[in-house]
Structure formats: structure tokens, C-alpha cells
Amino acid sequence: VTFAGTAVIGATFLALSAPRHLWSQAGWIDNSWQVPENRADKAGKILAEILVQRVQGHRPVTLIGYSMGARVIMVCLTHLAEMGPKGQGIIETAVVMGTPFSADPAKWESAASVVAHRL
């Protein structure tokens, strides 16, 4: 009887604690920071694709952004750098303030490689 009682209590505890643990760990999927960060990354790639199409003509482009807008710009610049020669000569100047972007120097060098004047 003691073993059966222990097994029932253990199974009940597991049944109640496992969903609670999963629920607490699933919070990162739609937290208030991850959603805008993912949207900014998507917007940056879309902006790069549009700039490569030269919808703005062949004039130099200046990009200015703050916070998530600055992240959009940095993702755009790194995406342009990944495109190679096709992504060169489009951006004249980029200004990013308070960007929630990586501090990795390699990523910043990659982004700066497609900016003609100043990042």
C-alpha cells in the first residue's frame, strides 16, 4: 500500500508540474522583446531587397534609425553585404542610435563595408 500511494502521489506531482514547467519555458516564444526583434530582422531583409531593386533610382541613400529602427538598418546593411557586389554603392550614410544589435566587430565591419561614407 505504501508503494502504491507513493506512486500515485509521484504521478500526480509529475502530471501537475510538467505542464507548469513547459508553460514557463514557452514564454520566450512570444515575449515582448522577441516579437519586435524578429519583425525588425524581417523588415531589414525586405528593406535590403527593395534597395537592391533601385526603386529609389540611382541616388545615394541615407538611413537613420533609433532602437528597433536601428536594428532594421543594421540587418539591412549586413544583408546587403552578403549580396556581394550587388549590394554595393547603394547606401551613402547610415546613422544608428541605441541599436539592440550585436556588438561583434565582424558584424559591424560587414555592415560598414556597404556604406560609402559613414556608419
PDB file of N, CA and C in Angstrom:
ATOM      1  N   VAL A   1       0.836  -1.190   0.000  1.00  0.00           N
ATOM      2  CA  VAL A   1       0.000   0.000   0.000  1.00  0.00           C
ATOM      3  C   VAL A   1       0.877   1.249   0.000  1.00  0.00           C
ATOM      4  N   THR A   2       1.979   1.225   0.692  1.00  0.00           N
ATOM      5  CA  THR A   2       2.852   2.398   0.745  1.00  0.00           C
ATOM      6  C   THR A   2       3.456   2.689  -0.623  1.00  0.00           C
ATOM      7  N   PHE A   3       3.871   1.636  -1.316  1.00  0.00           N
ATOM      8  CA  PHE A   3       4.466   1.822  -2.637  1.00  0.00           C
ATOM      9  C   PHE A   3       3.430   2.378  -3.618  1.00  0.00           C
ATOM     10  N   ALA A   4       2.203   1.853  -3.577  1.00  0.00           N
ATOM     11  CA  ALA A   4       1.135   2.320  -4.471  1.00  0.00           C
ATOM     12  C   ALA A   4       0.785   3.774  -4.176  1.00  0.00           C
ATOM     13  N   GLY A   5       0.741   4.116  -2.899  1.00  0.00           N
ATOM     14  CA  GLY A   5       0.452   5.504  -2.521  1.00  0.00           C
ATOM     15  C   GLY A   5       1.536   6.453  -2.987  1.00  0.00           C
ATOM     16  N   THR A   6       2.781   6.032  -2.864  1.00  0.00           N
ATOM     17  CA  THR A   6       3.903   6.851  -3.313  1.00  0.00           C
ATOM     18  C   THR A   6       3.866   7.020  -4.829  1.00  0.00           C
ATOM     19  N   ALA A   7       3.534   5.947  -5.526  1.00  0.00           N
ATOM     20  CA  ALA A   7       3.465   6.019  -6.986  1.00  0.00           C
ATOM     21  C   ALA A   7       2.353   6.950  -7.443  1.00  0.00           C
ATOM     22  N   VAL A   8       1.226   6.913  -6.779  1.00  0.00           N
ATOM     23  CA  VAL A   8       0.103   7.791  -7.134  1.00  0.00           C
ATOM     24  C   VAL A   8       0.466   9.248  -6.869  1.00  0.00           C
ATOM     25  N   ILE A   9       1.064   9.508  -5.737  1.00  0.00           N
ATOM     26  CA  ILE A   9       1.461  10.885  -5.405  1.00  0.00           C
ATOM     27  C   ILE A   9       2.524  11.375  -6.395  1.00  0.00           C
ATOM     28  N   GLY A  10       3.488  10.513  -6.720  1.00  0.00           N
ATOM     29  CA  GLY A  10       4.527  10.889  -7.683  1.00  0.00           C
ATOM     30  C   GLY A  10       3.962  11.169  -9.056  1.00  0.00           C
ATOM     31  N   ALA A  11       3.040  10.335  -9.508  1.00  0.00           N
ATOM     32  CA  ALA A  11       2.428  10.534 -10.819  1.00  0.00           C
ATOM     33  C   ALA A  11       1.593  11.814 -10.848  1.00  0.00           C
ATOM     34  N   THR A  12       0.900  12.083  -9.760  1.00  0.00           N
ATOM     35  CA  THR A  12       0.099  13.307  -9.678  1.00  0.00           C
ATOM     36  C   THR A  12       1.001  14.535  -9.712  1.00  0.00           C
ATOM     37  N   PHE A  13       2.088  14.498  -8.952  1.00  0.00           N
ATOM     38  CA  PHE A  13       3.022  15.619  -8.938  1.00  0.00           C
ATOM     39  C   PHE A  13       3.622  15.855 -10.325  1.00  0.00           C
ATOM     40  N   LEU A  14       3.998  14.786 -11.002  1.00  0.00           N
ATOM     41  CA  LEU A  14       4.557  14.903 -12.344  1.00  0.00           C
ATOM     42  C   LEU A  14       3.529  15.468 -13.323  1.00  0.00           C
ATOM     43  N   ALA A  15       2.308  15.002 -13.214  1.00  0.00           N
ATOM     44  CA  ALA A  15       1.251  15.472 -14.119  1.00  0.00           C
ATOM     45  C   ALA A  15       0.965  16.950 -13.929  1.00  0.00           C
ATOM     46  N   LEU A  16       1.130  17.449 -12.713  1.00  0.00           N
ATOM     47  CA  LEU A  16       0.862  18.864 -12.454  1.00  0.00           C
ATOM     48  C   LEU A  16       2.081  19.749 -12.707  1.00  0.00           C
ATOM     49  N   SER A  17       3.270  19.227 -12.462  1.00  0.00           N
ATOM     50  CA  SER A  17       4.458  20.075 -12.585  1.00  0.00           C
ATOM     51  C   SER A  17       5.003  20.141 -14.011  1.00  0.00           C
ATOM     52  N   ALA A  18       4.831  19.106 -14.809  1.00  0.00           N
ATOM     53  CA  ALA A  18       5.369  19.124 -16.170  1.00  0.00           C
ATOM     54  C   ALA A  18       4.726  20.204 -17.034  1.00  0.00           C
ATOM     55  N   PRO A  19       3.402  20.328 -17.074  1.00  0.00           N
ATOM     56  CA  PRO A  19       2.819  21.407 -17.880  1.00  0.00           C
ATOM     57  C   PRO A  19       3.209  22.798 -17.366  1.00  0.00           C
ATOM     58  N   ARG A  20       3.336  22.923 -16.054  1.00  0.00           N
ATOM     59  CA  ARG A  20       3.730  24.216 -15.491  1.00  0.00           C
ATOM     60  C   ARG A  20       5.138  24.580 -15.949  1.00  0.00           C
ATOM     61  N   HIS A  21       6.030  23.614 -15.949  1.00  0.00           N
ATOM     62  CA  HIS A  21       7.402  23.851 -16.394  1.00  0.00           C
ATOM     63  C   HIS A  21       7.429  24.210 -17.883  1.00  0.00           C
ATOM     64  N   LEU A  22       6.687  23.463 -18.685  1.00  0.00           N
ATOM     65  CA  LEU A  22       6.634  23.761 -20.115  1.00  0.00           C
ATOM     66  C   LEU A  22       6.038  25.129 -20.370  1.00  0.00           C
ATOM     67  N   TRP A  23       5.013  25.482 -19.624  1.00  0.00           N
ATOM     68  CA  TRP A  23       4.372  26.790 -19.784  1.00  0.00           C
ATOM     69  C   TRP A  23       5.353  27.916 -19.456  1.00  0.00           C
ATOM     70  N   SER A  24       6.136  27.755 -18.406  1.00  0.00           N
ATOM     71  CA  SER A  24       7.087  28.806 -18.025  1.00  0.00           C
ATOM     72  C   SER A  24       8.227  28.912 -19.034  1.00  0.00           C
ATOM     73  N   GLN A  25       8.623  27.794 -19.639  1.00  0.00           N
ATOM     74  CA  GLN A  25       9.703  27.818 -20.617  1.00  0.00           C
ATOM     75  C   GLN A  25       9.245  28.315 -21.984  1.00  0.00           C
ATOM     76  N   ALA A  26       7.964  28.239 -22.268  1.00  0.00           N
ATOM     77  CA  ALA A  26       7.447  28.652 -23.572  1.00  0.00           C
ATOM     78  C   ALA A  26       7.233  30.155 -23.656  1.00  0.00           C
ATOM     79  N   GLY A  27       7.455  30.868 -22.584  1.00  0.00           N
ATOM     80  CA  GLY A  27       7.239  32.308 -22.578  1.00  0.00           C
ATOM     81  C   GLY A  27       8.142  33.073 -23.532  1.00  0.00           C
ATOM     82  N   TRP A  28       9.304  32.519 -23.876  1.00  0.00           N
ATOM     83  CA  TRP A  28      10.229  33.236 -24.755  1.00  0.00           C
ATOM     84  C   TRP A  28       9.710  33.317 -26.189  1.00  0.00           C
ATOM     85  N   ILE A  29       8.766  32.474 -26.556  1.00  0.00           N
ATOM     86  CA  ILE A  29       8.287  32.442 -27.937  1.00  0.00           C
ATOM     87  C   ILE A  29       7.610  33.744 -28.319  1.00  0.00           C
ATOM     88  N   ASP A  30       6.775  34.256 -27.450  1.00  0.00           N
ATOM     89  CA  ASP A  30       6.035  35.474 -27.780  1.00  0.00           C
ATOM     90  C   ASP A  30       6.249  36.561 -26.741  1.00  0.00           C
ATOM     91  N   ASN A  31       7.456  36.635 -26.182  1.00  0.00           N
ATOM     92  CA  ASN A  31       7.679  37.673 -25.187  1.00  0.00           C
ATOM     93  C   ASN A  31       7.743  39.044 -25.845  1.00  0.00           C
ATOM     94  N   SER A  32       7.666  40.059 -25.049  1.00  0.00           N
ATOM     95  CA  SER A  32       7.542  41.418 -25.582  1.00  0.00           C
ATOM     96  C   SER A  32       8.819  41.942 -26.231  1.00  0.00           C
ATOM     97  N   TRP A  33       9.908  41.221 -26.152  1.00  0.00           N
ATOM     98  CA  TRP A  33      11.142  41.652 -26.809  1.00  0.00           C
ATOM     99  C   TRP A  33      11.414  40.844 -28.074  1.00  0.00           C
ATOM    100  N   GLN A  34      11.148  39.553 -28.043  1.00  0.00           N
ATOM    101  CA  GLN A  34      11.472  38.674 -29.163  1.00  0.00           C
ATOM    102  C   GLN A  34      10.625  38.975 -30.395  1.00  0.00           C
ATOM    103  N   VAL A  35       9.363  39.306 -30.202  1.00  0.00           N
ATOM    104  CA  VAL A  35       8.472  39.565 -31.338  1.00  0.00           C
ATOM    105  C   VAL A  35       8.937  40.779 -32.133  1.00  0.00           C
ATOM    106  N   PRO A  36       9.176  41.951 -31.497  1.00  0.00           N
ATOM    107  CA  PRO A  36       9.661  43.085 -32.306  1.00  0.00           C
ATOM    108  C   PRO A  36      11.049  42.852 -32.893  1.00  0.00           C
ATOM    109  N   GLU A  37      11.883  42.092 -32.191  1.00  0.00           N
ATOM    110  CA  GLU A  37      13.214  41.796 -32.719  1.00  0.00           C
ATOM    111  C   GLU A  37      13.109  40.961 -34.002  1.00  0.00           C
ATOM    112  N   ASN A  38      12.243  39.962 -33.998  1.00  0.00           N
ATOM    113  CA  ASN A  38      12.045  39.140 -35.202  1.00  0.00           C
ATOM    114  C   ASN A  38      11.463  39.969 -36.342  1.00  0.00           C
ATOM    115  N   ARG A  39      10.523  40.842 -36.024  1.00  0.00           N
ATOM    116  CA  ARG A  39       9.929  41.693 -37.058  1.00  0.00           C
ATOM    117  C   ARG A  39      10.948  42.671 -37.627  1.00  0.00           C
ATOM    118  N   ALA A  40      11.817  43.203 -36.779  1.00  0.00           N
ATOM    119  CA  ALA A  40      12.859  44.112 -37.255  1.00  0.00           C
ATOM    120  C   ALA A  40      13.827  43.388 -38.183  1.00  0.00           C
ATOM    121  N   ASP A  41      14.162  42.150 -37.844  1.00  0.00           N
ATOM    122  CA  ASP A  41      15.059  41.372 -38.706  1.00  0.00           C
ATOM    123  C   ASP A  41      14.428  41.113 -40.075  1.00  0.00           C
ATOM    124  N   LYS A  42      13.140  40.780 -40.082  1.00  0.00           N
ATOM    125  CA  LYS A  42      12.448  40.560 -41.356  1.00  0.00           C
ATOM    126  C   LYS A  42      12.371  41.858 -42.158  1.00  0.00           C
ATOM    127  N   ALA A  43      12.074  42.961 -41.478  1.00  0.00           N
ATOM    128  CA  ALA A  43      11.980  44.260 -42.156  1.00  0.00           C
ATOM    129  C   ALA A  43      13.324  44.675 -42.739  1.00  0.00           C
ATOM    130  N   GLY A  44      14.412  44.378 -42.039  1.00  0.00           N
ATOM    131  CA  GLY A  44      15.745  44.703 -42.547  1.00  0.00           C
ATOM    132  C   GLY A  44      16.069  43.967 -43.827  1.00  0.00           C
ATOM    133  N   LYS A  45      15.701  42.698 -43.887  1.00  0.00           N
ATOM    134  CA  LYS A  45      15.949  41.920 -45.106  1.00  0.00           C
ATOM    135  C   LYS A  45      15.080  42.406 -46.254  1.00  0.00           C
ATOM    136  N   ILE A  46      13.843  42.761 -45.959  1.00  0.00           N
ATOM    137  CA  ILE A  46      12.948  43.290 -47.002  1.00  0.00           C
ATOM    138  C   ILE A  46      13.469  44.633 -47.506  1.00  0.00           C
ATOM    139  N   LEU A  47      13.937  45.489 -46.582  1.00  0.00           N
ATOM    140  CA  LEU A  47      14.494  46.779 -46.983  1.00  0.00           C
ATOM    141  C   LEU A  47      15.699  46.589 -47.899  1.00  0.00           C
ATOM    142  N   ALA A  48      16.555  45.645 -47.576  1.00  0.00           N
ATOM    143  CA  ALA A  48      17.726  45.379 -48.428  1.00  0.00           C
ATOM    144  C   ALA A  48      17.298  44.936 -49.817  1.00  0.00           C
ATOM    145  N   GLU A  49      16.308  44.060 -49.890  1.00  0.00           N
ATOM    146  CA  GLU A  49      15.823  43.586 -51.194  1.00  0.00           C
ATOM    147  C   GLU A  49      15.253  44.735 -52.016  1.00  0.00           C
ATOM    148  N   ILE A  50      14.518  45.627 -51.368  1.00  0.00           N
ATOM    149  CA  ILE A  50      13.928  46.771 -52.088  1.00  0.00           C
ATOM    150  C   ILE A  50      15.013  47.731 -52.554  1.00  0.00           C
ATOM    151  N   LEU A  51      16.019  47.972 -51.706  1.00  0.00           N
ATOM    152  CA  LEU A  51      17.097  48.885 -52.093  1.00  0.00           C
ATOM    153  C   LEU A  51      17.899  48.333 -53.275  1.00  0.00           C
ATOM    154  N   VAL A  52      18.102  47.037 -53.328  1.00  0.00           N
ATOM    155  CA  VAL A  52      18.840  46.425 -54.438  1.00  0.00           C
ATOM    156  C   VAL A  52      18.068  46.574 -55.742  1.00  0.00           C
ATOM    157  N   GLN A  53      16.754  46.607 -55.670  1.00  0.00           N
ATOM    158  CA  GLN A  53      15.932  46.773 -56.876  1.00  0.00           C
ATOM    159  C   GLN A  53      15.996  48.205 -57.412  1.00  0.00           C
ATOM    160  N   ARG A  54      16.609  49.112 -56.648  1.00  0.00           N
ATOM    161  CA  ARG A  54      16.773  50.520 -57.049  1.00  0.00           C
ATOM    162  C   ARG A  54      15.439  51.211 -57.308  1.00  0.00           C
ATOM    163  N   VAL A  55      14.462  50.931 -56.459  1.00  0.00           N
ATOM    164  CA  VAL A  55      13.167  51.602 -56.556  1.00  0.00           C
ATOM    165  C   VAL A  55      13.341  53.105 -56.353  1.00  0.00           C
ATOM    166  N   GLN A  56      14.328  53.489 -55.560  1.00  0.00           N
ATOM    167  CA  GLN A  56      14.603  54.899 -55.279  1.00  0.00           C
ATOM    168  C   GLN A  56      15.409  55.565 -56.383  1.00  0.00           C
ATOM    169  N   GLY A  57      15.717  54.868 -57.441  1.00  0.00           N
ATOM    170  CA  GLY A  57      16.567  55.393 -58.501  1.00  0.00           C
ATOM    171  C   GLY A  57      18.022  55.121 -58.166  1.00  0.00           C
ATOM    172  N   HIS A  58      18.917  55.838 -58.810  1.00  0.00           N
ATOM    173  CA  HIS A  58      20.345  55.629 -58.571  1.00  0.00           C
ATOM    174  C   HIS A  58      20.938  56.722 -57.699  1.00  0.00           C
ATOM    175  N   ARG A  59      20.112  57.323 -56.868  1.00  0.00           N
ATOM    176  CA  ARG A  59      20.601  58.321 -55.914  1.00  0.00           C
ATOM    177  C   ARG A  59      21.134  57.621 -54.675  1.00  0.00           C
ATOM    178  N   PRO A  60      22.112  58.242 -53.997  1.00  0.00           N
ATOM    179  CA  PRO A  60      22.607  57.652 -52.753  1.00  0.00           C
ATOM    180  C   PRO A  60      21.530  57.734 -51.661  1.00  0.00           C
ATOM    181  N   VAL A  61      21.538  56.764 -50.777  1.00  0.00           N
ATOM    182  CA  VAL A  61      20.519  56.661 -49.732  1.00  0.00           C
ATOM    183  C   VAL A  61      21.164  56.883 -48.367  1.00  0.00           C
ATOM    184  N   THR A  62      20.496  57.650 -47.519  1.00  0.00           N
ATOM    185  CA  THR A  62      20.898  57.827 -46.130  1.00  0.00           C
ATOM    186  C   THR A  62      19.844  57.176 -45.250  1.00  0.00           C
ATOM    187  N   LEU A  63      20.279  56.306 -44.362  1.00  0.00           N
ATOM    188  CA  LEU A  63      19.369  55.615 -43.450  1.00  0.00           C
ATOM    189  C   LEU A  63      19.622  56.099 -42.027  1.00  0.00           C
ATOM    190  N   ILE A  64      18.556  56.442 -41.309  1.00  0.00           N
ATOM    191  CA  ILE A  64      18.662  56.898 -39.921  1.00  0.00           C
ATOM    192  C   ILE A  64      17.659  56.112 -39.094  1.00  0.00           C
ATOM    193  N   GLY A  65      18.113  55.537 -37.982  1.00  0.00           N
ATOM    194  CA  GLY A  65      17.209  54.753 -37.150  1.00  0.00           C
ATOM    195  C   GLY A  65      17.584  54.782 -35.690  1.00  0.00           C
ATOM    196  N   TYR A  66      16.577  54.634 -34.845  1.00  0.00           N
ATOM    197  CA  TYR A  66      16.756  54.584 -33.396  1.00  0.00           C
ATOM    198  C   TYR A  66      16.078  53.328 -32.861  1.00  0.00           C
ATOM    199  N   SER A  67      16.717  52.653 -31.942  1.00  0.00           N
ATOM    200  CA  SER A  67      16.196  51.466 -31.286  1.00  0.00           C
ATOM    201  C   SER A  67      15.933  50.358 -32.311  1.00  0.00           C
ATOM    202  N   MET A  68      14.719  49.865 -32.410  1.00  0.00           N
ATOM    203  CA  MET A  68      14.439  48.772 -33.353  1.00  0.00           C
ATOM    204  C   MET A  68      14.606  49.229 -34.801  1.00  0.00           C
ATOM    205  N   GLY A  69      14.390  50.509 -35.069  1.00  0.00           N
ATOM    206  CA  GLY A  69      14.651  51.032 -36.407  1.00  0.00           C
ATOM    207  C   GLY A  69      16.131  50.934 -36.751  1.00  0.00           C
ATOM    208  N   ALA A  70      16.989  51.126 -35.746  1.00  0.00           N
ATOM    209  CA  ALA A  70      18.426  50.974 -35.955  1.00  0.00           C
ATOM    210  C   ALA A  70      18.772  49.509 -36.206  1.00  0.00           C
ATOM    211  N   ARG A  71      18.059  48.612 -35.559  1.00  0.00           N
ATOM    212  CA  ARG A  71      18.283  47.182 -35.817  1.00  0.00           C
ATOM    213  C   ARG A  71      17.880  46.836 -37.244  1.00  0.00           C
ATOM    214  N   VAL A  72      16.771  47.414 -37.712  1.00  0.00           N
ATOM    215  CA  VAL A  72      16.348  47.200 -39.102  1.00  0.00           C
ATOM    216  C   VAL A  72      17.471  47.611 -40.044  1.00  0.00           C
ATOM    217  N   ILE A  73      18.073  48.753 -39.784  1.00  0.00           N
ATOM    218  CA  ILE A  73      19.144  49.260 -40.639  1.00  0.00           C
ATOM    219  C   ILE A  73      20.363  48.334 -40.597  1.00  0.00           C
ATOM    220  N   MET A  74      20.750  47.885 -39.416  1.00  0.00           N
ATOM    221  CA  MET A  74      21.924  47.019 -39.308  1.00  0.00           C
ATOM    222  C   MET A  74      21.694  45.675 -40.004  1.00  0.00           C
ATOM    223  N   VAL A  75      20.506  45.119 -39.863  1.00  0.00           N
ATOM    224  CA  VAL A  75      20.201  43.862 -40.554  1.00  0.00           C
ATOM    225  C   VAL A  75      20.197  44.097 -42.059  1.00  0.00           C
ATOM    226  N   CYS A  76      19.662  45.236 -42.481  1.00  0.00           N
ATOM    227  CA  CYS A  76      19.662  45.591 -43.898  1.00  0.00           C
ATOM    228  C   CYS A  76      21.095  45.674 -44.428  1.00  0.00           C
ATOM    229  N   LEU A  77      21.968  46.348 -43.699  1.00  0.00           N
ATOM    230  CA  LEU A  77      23.353  46.508 -44.140  1.00  0.00           C
ATOM    231  C   LEU A  77      24.089  45.171 -44.202  1.00  0.00           C
ATOM    232  N   THR A  78      23.890  44.327 -43.213  1.00  0.00           N
ATOM    233  CA  THR A  78      24.557  43.025 -43.244  1.00  0.00           C
ATOM    234  C   THR A  78      24.000  42.158 -44.372  1.00  0.00           C
ATOM    235  N   HIS A  79      22.716  42.296 -44.656  1.00  0.00           N
ATOM    236  CA  HIS A  79      22.127  41.543 -45.776  1.00  0.00           C
ATOM    237  C   HIS A  79      22.673  42.053 -47.108  1.00  0.00           C
ATOM    238  N   LEU A  80      22.834  43.372 -47.228  1.00  0.00           N
ATOM    239  CA  LEU A  80      23.436  43.941 -48.438  1.00  0.00           C
ATOM    240  C   LEU A  80      24.874  43.443 -48.601  1.00  0.00           C
ATOM    241  N   ALA A  81      25.606  43.354 -47.489  1.00  0.00           N
ATOM    242  CA  ALA A  81      26.991  42.866 -47.551  1.00  0.00           C
ATOM    243  C   ALA A  81      27.042  41.410 -48.010  1.00  0.00           C
ATOM    244  N   GLU A  82      26.062  40.617 -47.594  1.00  0.00           N
ATOM    245  CA  GLU A  82      26.012  39.210 -48.012  1.00  0.00           C
ATOM    246  C   GLU A  82      25.713  39.069 -49.507  1.00  0.00           C
ATOM    247  N   MET A  83      25.098  40.089 -50.101  1.00  0.00           N
ATOM    248  CA  MET A  83      24.760  40.047 -51.526  1.00  0.00           C
ATOM    249  C   MET A  83      25.969  40.287 -52.413  1.00  0.00           C
ATOM    250  N   GLY A  84      27.061  40.725 -51.833  1.00  0.00           N
ATOM    251  CA  GLY A  84      28.268  40.963 -52.613  1.00  0.00           C
ATOM    252  C   GLY A  84      28.203  42.252 -53.418  1.00  0.00           C
ATOM    253  N   PRO A  85      28.715  42.253 -54.655  1.00  0.00           N
ATOM    254  CA  PRO A  85      28.762  43.474 -55.464  1.00  0.00           C
ATOM    255  C   PRO A  85      27.383  44.082 -55.731  1.00  0.00           C
ATOM    256  N   LYS A  86      26.364  43.250 -55.752  1.00  0.00           N
ATOM    257  CA  LYS A  86      25.012  43.750 -55.999  1.00  0.00           C
ATOM    258  C   LYS A  86      24.546  44.690 -54.878  1.00  0.00           C
ATOM    259  N   GLY A  87      25.070  44.516 -53.657  1.00  0.00           N
ATOM    260  CA  GLY A  87      24.674  45.345 -52.522  1.00  0.00           C
ATOM    261  C   GLY A  87      25.554  46.558 -52.297  1.00  0.00           C
ATOM    262  N   GLN A  88      26.559  46.749 -53.150  1.00  0.00           N
ATOM    263  CA  GLN A  88      27.498  47.865 -53.001  1.00  0.00           C
ATOM    264  C   GLN A  88      26.970  49.117 -53.696  1.00  0.00           C
ATOM    265  N   GLY A  89      27.387  50.283 -53.201  1.00  0.00           N
ATOM    266  CA  GLY A  89      27.104  51.551 -53.860  1.00  0.00           C
ATOM    267  C   GLY A  89      25.677  52.061 -53.713  1.00  0.00           C
ATOM    268  N   ILE A  90      24.935  51.550 -52.788  1.00  0.00           N
ATOM    269  CA  ILE A  90      23.550  51.993 -52.593  1.00  0.00           C
ATOM    270  C   ILE A  90      23.442  52.947 -51.411  1.00  0.00           C
ATOM    271  N   ILE A  91      24.101  52.605 -50.314  1.00  0.00           N
ATOM    272  CA  ILE A  91      23.998  53.380 -49.075  1.00  0.00           C
ATOM    273  C   ILE A  91      25.156  54.358 -48.979  1.00  0.00           C
ATOM    274  N   GLU A  92      24.819  55.637 -48.824  1.00  0.00           N
ATOM    275  CA  GLU A  92      25.856  56.652 -48.644  1.00  0.00           C
ATOM    276  C   GLU A  92      26.224  56.775 -47.166  1.00  0.00           C
ATOM    277  N   THR A  93      25.217  56.967 -46.313  1.00  0.00           N
ATOM    278  CA  THR A  93      25.440  57.155 -44.880  1.00  0.00           C
ATOM    279  C   THR A  93      24.369  56.397 -44.106  1.00  0.00           C
ATOM    280  N   ALA A  94      24.757  55.837 -42.977  1.00  0.00           N
ATOM    281  CA  ALA A  94      23.792  55.190 -42.087  1.00  0.00           C
ATOM    282  C   ALA A  94      24.064  55.663 -40.666  1.00  0.00           C
ATOM    283  N   VAL A  95      23.005  56.080 -39.989  1.00  0.00           N
ATOM    284  CA  VAL A  95      23.101  56.536 -38.607  1.00  0.00           C
ATOM    285  C   VAL A  95      22.226  55.619 -37.760  1.00  0.00           C
ATOM    286  N   VAL A  96      22.834  54.949 -36.794  1.00  0.00           N
ATOM    287  CA  VAL A  96      22.081  54.078 -35.891  1.00  0.00           C
ATOM    288  C   VAL A  96      22.333  54.535 -34.457  1.00  0.00           C
ATOM    289  N   MET A  97      21.253  54.734 -33.722  1.00  0.00           N
ATOM    290  CA  MET A  97      21.356  55.198 -32.337  1.00  0.00           C
ATOM    291  C   MET A  97      20.606  54.225 -31.423  1.00  0.00           C
ATOM    292  N   GLY A  98      21.255  53.794 -30.375  1.00  0.00           N
ATOM    293  CA  GLY A  98      20.621  52.909 -29.410  1.00  0.00           C
ATOM    294  C   GLY A  98      20.167  51.609 -30.020  1.00  0.00           C
ATOM    295  N   THR A  99      21.003  51.016 -30.826  1.00  0.00           N
ATOM    296  CA  THR A  99      20.592  49.809 -31.538  1.00  0.00           C
ATOM    297  C   THR A  99      20.726  48.556 -30.683  1.00  0.00           C
ATOM    298  N   PRO A 100      19.697  47.727 -30.667  1.00  0.00           N
ATOM    299  CA  PRO A 100      19.807  46.437 -29.995  1.00  0.00           C
ATOM    300  C   PRO A 100      20.392  45.394 -30.958  1.00  0.00           C
ATOM    301  N   PHE A 101      21.588  45.665 -31.437  1.00  0.00           N
ATOM    302  CA  PHE A 101      22.263  44.796 -32.392  1.00  0.00           C
ATOM    303  C   PHE A 101      23.545  44.281 -31.750  1.00  0.00           C
ATOM    304  N   SER A 102      24.059  43.209 -32.263  1.00  0.00           N
ATOM    305  CA  SER A 102      25.260  42.584 -31.723  1.00  0.00           C
ATOM    306  C   SER A 102      26.444  43.553 -31.699  1.00  0.00           C
ATOM    307  N   ALA A 103      27.274  43.435 -30.684  1.00  0.00           N
ATOM    308  CA  ALA A 103      28.476  44.260 -30.583  1.00  0.00           C
ATOM    309  C   ALA A 103      29.682  43.580 -31.236  1.00  0.00           C
ATOM    310  N   ASP A 104      29.465  42.509 -31.946  1.00  0.00           N
ATOM    311  CA  ASP A 104      30.535  41.765 -32.606  1.00  0.00           C
ATOM    312  C   ASP A 104      31.181  42.635 -33.686  1.00  0.00           C
ATOM    313  N   PRO A 105      32.482  42.927 -33.559  1.00  0.00           N
ATOM    314  CA  PRO A 105      33.159  43.790 -34.541  1.00  0.00           C
ATOM    315  C   PRO A 105      33.069  43.267 -35.975  1.00  0.00           C
ATOM    316  N   ALA A 106      33.043  41.957 -36.154  1.00  0.00           N
ATOM    317  CA  ALA A 106      32.954  41.401 -37.513  1.00  0.00           C
ATOM    318  C   ALA A 106      31.633  41.770 -38.176  1.00  0.00           C
ATOM    319  N   LYS A 107      30.551  41.765 -37.409  1.00  0.00           N
ATOM    320  CA  LYS A 107      29.257  42.139 -37.965  1.00  0.00           C
ATOM    321  C   LYS A 107      29.217  43.618 -38.312  1.00  0.00           C
ATOM    322  N   TRP A 108      29.838  44.447 -37.472  1.00  0.00           N
ATOM    323  CA  TRP A 108      29.866  45.885 -37.753  1.00  0.00           C
ATOM    324  C   TRP A 108      30.755  46.185 -38.968  1.00  0.00           C
ATOM    325  N   GLU A 109      31.852  45.476 -39.104  1.00  0.00           N
ATOM    326  CA  GLU A 109      32.710  45.661 -40.279  1.00  0.00           C
ATOM    327  C   GLU A 109      31.982  45.235 -41.545  1.00  0.00           C
ATOM    328  N   SER A 110      31.238  44.163 -41.449  1.00  0.00           N
ATOM    329  CA  SER A 110      30.452  43.698 -42.596  1.00  0.00           C
ATOM    330  C   SER A 110      29.422  44.751 -42.987  1.00  0.00           C
ATOM    331  N   ALA A 111      28.730  45.297 -41.992  1.00  0.00           N
ATOM    332  CA  ALA A 111      27.727  46.334 -42.263  1.00  0.00           C
ATOM    333  C   ALA A 111      28.378  47.594 -42.838  1.00  0.00           C
ATOM    334  N   ALA A 112      29.524  47.973 -42.285  1.00  0.00           N
ATOM    335  CA  ALA A 112      30.202  49.191 -42.755  1.00  0.00           C
ATOM    336  C   ALA A 112      30.761  49.027 -44.158  1.00  0.00           C
ATOM    337  N   SER A 113      30.981  47.810 -44.609  1.00  0.00           N
ATOM    338  CA  SER A 113      31.575  47.588 -45.931  1.00  0.00           C
ATOM    339  C   SER A 113      30.661  48.028 -47.073  1.00  0.00           C
ATOM    340  N   VAL A 114      29.359  48.152 -46.840  1.00  0.00           N
ATOM    341  CA  VAL A 114      28.440  48.585 -47.894  1.00  0.00           C
ATOM    342  C   VAL A 114      28.048  50.048 -47.768  1.00  0.00           C
ATOM    343  N   VAL A 115      28.563  50.722 -46.748  1.00  0.00           N
ATOM    344  CA  VAL A 115      28.270  52.149 -46.564  1.00  0.00           C
ATOM    345  C   VAL A 115      29.430  52.941 -47.171  1.00  0.00           C
ATOM    346  N   ALA A 116      29.089  53.821 -48.116  1.00  0.00           N
ATOM    347  CA  ALA A 116      30.127  54.553 -48.846  1.00  0.00           C
ATOM    348  C   ALA A 116      30.817  55.604 -47.981  1.00  0.00           C
ATOM    349  N   HIS A 117      30.068  56.304 -47.150  1.00  0.00           N
ATOM    350  CA  HIS A 117      30.650  57.414 -46.408  1.00  0.00           C
ATOM    351  C   HIS A 117      30.873  57.052 -44.953  1.00  0.00           C
ATOM    352  N   ARG A 118      29.823  56.990 -44.164  1.00  0.00           N
ATOM    353  CA  ARG A 118      29.997  56.817 -42.728  1.00  0.00           C
ATOM    354  C   ARG A 118      28.870  55.996 -42.115  1.00  0.00           C
ATOM    355  N   LEU A 119      29.260  55.093 -41.230  1.00  0.00           N
ATOM    356  CA  LEU A 119      28.309  54.351 -40.425  1.00  0.00           C
ATOM    357  C   LEU A 119      28.492  54.798 -39.006  1.00  0.00           C
TER     358      LEU A 119
END
